[in-house]
Amino acid sequence: MLVKEVKKDKIYLLALILSGLFLPWLLISLKFLNFSFLVEELFKLLVIFFFAYKIPGFKDGFLGVFLFGLFFSLSETILYLNNIYVSEEYIFIWGRILLTLPMHILTVIIIFTFGLKDRRYLFLGFVIAVLIHMFFNFLFIL
């Protein structure tokens, strides 16, 4: 019984990592929208709801969410490499790594932690994450 639980935990952790890697590739077609930050955060919320909360223990769930945010940001940065290469503004890659990486990790952690104690607060965490992402896009537009 315990072995099945451990395997399930690993599957949910793997699902979080794979979601972080592939979700930006699925959402890239929506980047032209003025509210793509809202769509990104909505999909992050769904991934957290369906995978992260299934992992027992705060530390393991937090690790999974952290990795999800990290891989999401890295995958999105890879998508932007073509734009950076075409514009020949290579300094932007450092901006994406140094600025967007912590922002994506922060937003998924906020969504996760707000919904930990009571799922009714999940929407509040989502709204805060959307506002942070919107503010970030407004300031840096990367």
C-alpha atoms as a PDB file:
ATOM      1  CA  MET A   1       0.000   0.000   0.000  1.00  0.00           C
ATOM      2  CA  LEU A   2       2.799   2.421   0.916  1.00  0.00           C
ATOM      3  CA  VAL A   3       4.640   1.646  -2.335  1.00  0.00           C
ATOM      4  CA  LYS A   4       1.533   2.582  -4.347  1.00  0.00           C
ATOM      5  CA  GLU A   5       1.293   5.907  -2.471  1.00  0.00           C
ATOM      6  CA  VAL A   6       4.959   6.707  -3.137  1.00  0.00           C
ATOM      7  CA  LYS A   7       4.528   5.895  -6.825  1.00  0.00           C
ATOM      8  CA  LYS A   8       1.441   8.119  -7.018  1.00  0.00           C
ATOM      9  CA  ASP A   9       3.359  10.996  -5.415  1.00  0.00           C
ATOM     10  CA  LYS A  10       6.141  10.608  -7.974  1.00  0.00           C
ATOM     11  CA  ILE A  11       3.622  10.547 -10.817  1.00  0.00           C
ATOM     12  CA  TYR A  12       2.048  13.816  -9.639  1.00  0.00           C
ATOM     13  CA  LEU A  13       5.501  15.365  -9.260  1.00  0.00           C
ATOM     14  CA  LEU A  14       6.415  14.223 -12.775  1.00  0.00           C
ATOM     15  CA  ALA A  15       3.104  15.614 -14.061  1.00  0.00           C
ATOM     16  CA  LEU A  16       3.978  19.003 -12.552  1.00  0.00           C
ATOM     17  CA  ILE A  17       7.421  19.021 -14.158  1.00  0.00           C
ATOM     18  CA  LEU A  18       6.105  17.942 -17.561  1.00  0.00           C
ATOM     19  CA  SER A  19       3.332  20.532 -17.348  1.00  0.00           C
ATOM     20  CA  GLY A  20       5.946  23.189 -16.694  1.00  0.00           C
ATOM     21  CA  LEU A  21       7.934  22.049 -19.715  1.00  0.00           C
ATOM     22  CA  PHE A  22       5.084  21.766 -22.206  1.00  0.00           C
ATOM     23  CA  LEU A  23       2.414  24.248 -21.113  1.00  0.00           C
ATOM     24  CA  PRO A  24       4.192  27.308 -22.607  1.00  0.00           C
ATOM     25  CA  TRP A  25       4.420  25.485 -25.939  1.00  0.00           C
ATOM     26  CA  LEU A  26       0.663  24.934 -25.874  1.00  0.00           C
ATOM     27  CA  LEU A  27      -0.073  28.523 -24.882  1.00  0.00           C
ATOM     28  CA  ILE A  28       2.293  30.224 -27.350  1.00  0.00           C
ATOM     29  CA  SER A  29      -0.500  30.702 -29.877  1.00  0.00           C
ATOM     30  CA  LEU A  30      -2.296  32.925 -27.343  1.00  0.00           C
ATOM     31  CA  LYS A  31       0.640  35.321 -26.851  1.00  0.00           C
ATOM     32  CA  PHE A  32      -0.875  37.797 -29.282  1.00  0.00           C
ATOM     33  CA  LEU A  33      -3.776  38.399 -26.882  1.00  0.00           C
ATOM     34  CA  ASN A  34      -3.580  41.421 -24.625  1.00  0.00           C
ATOM     35  CA  PHE A  35      -4.535  39.256 -21.670  1.00  0.00           C
ATOM     36  CA  SER A  36      -2.216  36.287 -22.188  1.00  0.00           C
ATOM     37  CA  PHE A  37      -1.041  36.687 -18.573  1.00  0.00           C
ATOM     38  CA  LEU A  38      -4.578  35.811 -17.454  1.00  0.00           C
ATOM     39  CA  VAL A  39      -4.630  32.660 -19.601  1.00  0.00           C
ATOM     40  CA  GLU A  40      -1.176  31.626 -18.341  1.00  0.00           C
ATOM     41  CA  GLU A  41      -2.176  32.014 -14.702  1.00  0.00           C
ATOM     42  CA  LEU A  42      -5.467  30.204 -15.285  1.00  0.00           C
ATOM     43  CA  PHE A  43      -3.654  27.198 -16.723  1.00  0.00           C
ATOM     44  CA  LYS A  44      -1.124  27.315 -13.870  1.00  0.00           C
ATOM     45  CA  LEU A  45      -4.057  27.281 -11.441  1.00  0.00           C
ATOM     46  CA  LEU A  46      -5.540  24.215 -13.151  1.00  0.00           C
ATOM     47  CA  VAL A  47      -2.226  22.351 -13.084  1.00  0.00           C
ATOM     48  CA  ILE A  48      -1.735  23.156  -9.403  1.00  0.00           C
ATOM     49  CA  PHE A  49      -5.312  22.170  -8.580  1.00  0.00           C
ATOM     50  CA  PHE A  50      -5.174  18.836 -10.388  1.00  0.00           C
ATOM     51  CA  PHE A  51      -1.603  17.777  -9.565  1.00  0.00           C
ATOM     52  CA  ALA A  52       0.072  19.710  -6.747  1.00  0.00           C
ATOM     53  CA  TYR A  53      -2.631  19.250  -4.142  1.00  0.00           C
ATOM     54  CA  LYS A  54      -2.531  15.493  -4.679  1.00  0.00           C
ATOM     55  CA  ILE A  55       1.031  15.357  -3.324  1.00  0.00           C
ATOM     56  CA  PRO A  56       0.883  14.831   0.442  1.00  0.00           C
ATOM     57  CA  GLY A  57       3.046  16.975   2.648  1.00  0.00           C
ATOM     58  CA  PHE A  58       3.817  20.654   2.333  1.00  0.00           C
ATOM     59  CA  LYS A  59       7.508  20.208   1.479  1.00  0.00           C
ATOM     60  CA  ASP A  60       6.900  17.781  -1.383  1.00  0.00           C
ATOM     61  CA  GLY A  61       4.014  19.845  -2.761  1.00  0.00           C
ATOM     62  CA  PHE A  62       6.045  23.038  -2.470  1.00  0.00           C
ATOM     63  CA  LEU A  63       8.972  21.379  -4.262  1.00  0.00           C
ATOM     64  CA  GLY A  64       6.660  20.242  -7.050  1.00  0.00           C
ATOM     65  CA  VAL A  65       5.170  23.705  -7.464  1.00  0.00           C
ATOM     66  CA  PHE A  66       8.625  25.310  -7.399  1.00  0.00           C
ATOM     67  CA  LEU A  67       9.818  22.935 -10.137  1.00  0.00           C
ATOM     68  CA  PHE A  68       6.649  23.587 -12.128  1.00  0.00           C
ATOM     69  CA  GLY A  69       7.293  27.356 -12.035  1.00  0.00           C
ATOM     70  CA  LEU A  70      10.977  26.898 -12.823  1.00  0.00           C
ATOM     71  CA  PHE A  71      10.401  24.651 -15.838  1.00  0.00           C
ATOM     72  CA  PHE A  72       7.513  26.797 -17.047  1.00  0.00           C
ATOM     73  CA  SER A  73       9.755  29.858 -17.076  1.00  0.00           C
ATOM     74  CA  LEU A  74      12.699  28.080 -18.686  1.00  0.00           C
ATOM     75  CA  SER A  75      10.477  26.587 -21.377  1.00  0.00           C
ATOM     76  CA  GLU A  76       8.921  29.969 -22.106  1.00  0.00           C
ATOM     77  CA  THR A  77      12.399  31.526 -22.316  1.00  0.00           C
ATOM     78  CA  ILE A  78      13.405  28.920 -24.899  1.00  0.00           C
ATOM     79  CA  LEU A  79      10.375  29.948 -26.950  1.00  0.00           C
ATOM     80  CA  TYR A  80      11.532  33.561 -26.865  1.00  0.00           C
ATOM     81  CA  LEU A  81      15.067  32.698 -27.972  1.00  0.00           C
ATOM     82  CA  ASN A  82      14.032  32.933 -31.622  1.00  0.00           C
ATOM     83  CA  ASN A  83      12.747  36.485 -31.121  1.00  0.00           C
ATOM     84  CA  ILE A  84      15.937  37.422 -29.320  1.00  0.00           C
ATOM     85  CA  TYR A  85      18.083  35.872 -32.056  1.00  0.00           C
ATOM     86  CA  VAL A  86      16.204  37.699 -34.821  1.00  0.00           C
ATOM     87  CA  SER A  87      16.416  41.063 -33.058  1.00  0.00           C
ATOM     88  CA  GLU A  88      20.075  40.461 -32.154  1.00  0.00           C
ATOM     89  CA  GLU A  89      19.417  41.881 -28.685  1.00  0.00           C
ATOM     90  CA  TYR A  90      21.130  39.128 -26.713  1.00  0.00           C
ATOM     91  CA  ILE A  91      20.986  41.053 -23.453  1.00  0.00           C
ATOM     92  CA  PHE A  92      17.253  40.232 -23.359  1.00  0.00           C
ATOM     93  CA  ILE A  93      18.009  36.583 -22.621  1.00  0.00           C
ATOM     94  CA  TRP A  94      19.506  37.630 -19.292  1.00  0.00           C
ATOM     95  CA  GLY A  95      16.478  39.782 -18.605  1.00  0.00           C
ATOM     96  CA  ARG A  96      14.182  36.872 -19.260  1.00  0.00           C
ATOM     97  CA  ILE A  97      16.210  34.561 -17.055  1.00  0.00           C
ATOM     98  CA  LEU A  98      16.792  37.005 -14.207  1.00  0.00           C
ATOM     99  CA  LEU A  99      13.324  38.582 -14.174  1.00  0.00           C
ATOM    100  CA  THR A 100      10.712  36.205 -15.553  1.00  0.00           C
ATOM    101  CA  LEU A 101      12.059  33.122 -13.804  1.00  0.00           C
ATOM    102  CA  PRO A 102      11.436  34.467 -10.280  1.00  0.00           C
ATOM    103  CA  MET A 103       8.101  35.984 -11.358  1.00  0.00           C
ATOM    104  CA  HIS A 104       6.734  32.653 -12.637  1.00  0.00           C
ATOM    105  CA  ILE A 105       7.989  30.801  -9.565  1.00  0.00           C
ATOM    106  CA  LEU A 106       6.449  33.446  -7.295  1.00  0.00           C
ATOM    107  CA  THR A 107       3.044  33.312  -8.985  1.00  0.00           C
ATOM    108  CA  VAL A 108       2.729  29.518  -8.768  1.00  0.00           C
ATOM    109  CA  ILE A 109       3.844  29.551  -5.132  1.00  0.00           C
ATOM    110  CA  ILE A 110       1.237  32.207  -4.338  1.00  0.00           C
ATOM    111  CA  ILE A 111      -1.535  30.196  -6.005  1.00  0.00           C
ATOM    112  CA  PHE A 112      -0.403  27.029  -4.229  1.00  0.00           C
ATOM    113  CA  THR A 113      -0.046  28.501  -0.734  1.00  0.00           C
ATOM    114  CA  PHE A 114      -3.348  30.389  -0.810  1.00  0.00           C
ATOM    115  CA  GLY A 115      -5.220  27.180  -1.557  1.00  0.00           C
ATOM    116  CA  LEU A 116      -3.392  24.981   0.937  1.00  0.00           C
ATOM    117  CA  LYS A 117      -5.491  25.529   4.015  1.00  0.00           C
ATOM    118  CA  ASP A 118      -8.807  26.093   2.301  1.00  0.00           C
ATOM    119  CA  ARG A 119      -9.539  25.762  -1.412  1.00  0.00           C
ATOM    120  CA  ARG A 120     -11.895  28.760  -1.157  1.00  0.00           C
ATOM    121  CA  TYR A 121      -8.799  30.985  -0.998  1.00  0.00           C
ATOM    122  CA  LEU A 122      -7.430  29.519  -4.197  1.00  0.00           C
ATOM    123  CA  PHE A 123      -9.234  32.146  -6.268  1.00  0.00           C
ATOM    124  CA  LEU A 124      -7.692  34.928  -4.159  1.00  0.00           C
ATOM    125  CA  GLY A 125      -4.228  33.476  -4.820  1.00  0.00           C
ATOM    126  CA  PHE A 126      -5.085  33.319  -8.522  1.00  0.00           C
ATOM    127  CA  VAL A 127      -6.159  36.983  -8.565  1.00  0.00           C
ATOM    128  CA  ILE A 128      -2.957  38.064  -6.796  1.00  0.00           C
ATOM    129  CA  ALA A 129      -0.864  36.006  -9.242  1.00  0.00           C
ATOM    130  CA  VAL A 130      -2.678  37.582 -12.209  1.00  0.00           C
ATOM    131  CA  LEU A 131      -2.087  41.074 -10.806  1.00  0.00           C
ATOM    132  CA  ILE A 132       1.623  40.367 -10.271  1.00  0.00           C
ATOM    133  CA  HIS A 133       1.974  38.963 -13.786  1.00  0.00           C
ATOM    134  CA  MET A 134       0.023  41.871 -15.292  1.00  0.00           C
ATOM    135  CA  PHE A 135       2.132  44.409 -13.394  1.00  0.00           C
ATOM    136  CA  PHE A 136       5.300  42.613 -14.443  1.00  0.00           C
ATOM    137  CA  ASN A 137       4.278  42.624 -18.116  1.00  0.00           C
ATOM    138  CA  PHE A 138       3.385  46.290 -17.881  1.00  0.00           C
ATOM    139  CA  LEU A 139       6.771  47.200 -16.395  1.00  0.00           C
ATOM    140  CA  PHE A 140       9.105  44.976 -18.370  1.00  0.00           C
ATOM    141  CA  ILE A 141       7.213  43.725 -21.441  1.00  0.00           C
ATOM    142  CA  LEU A 142       9.573  40.811 -22.036  1.00  0.00           C
END
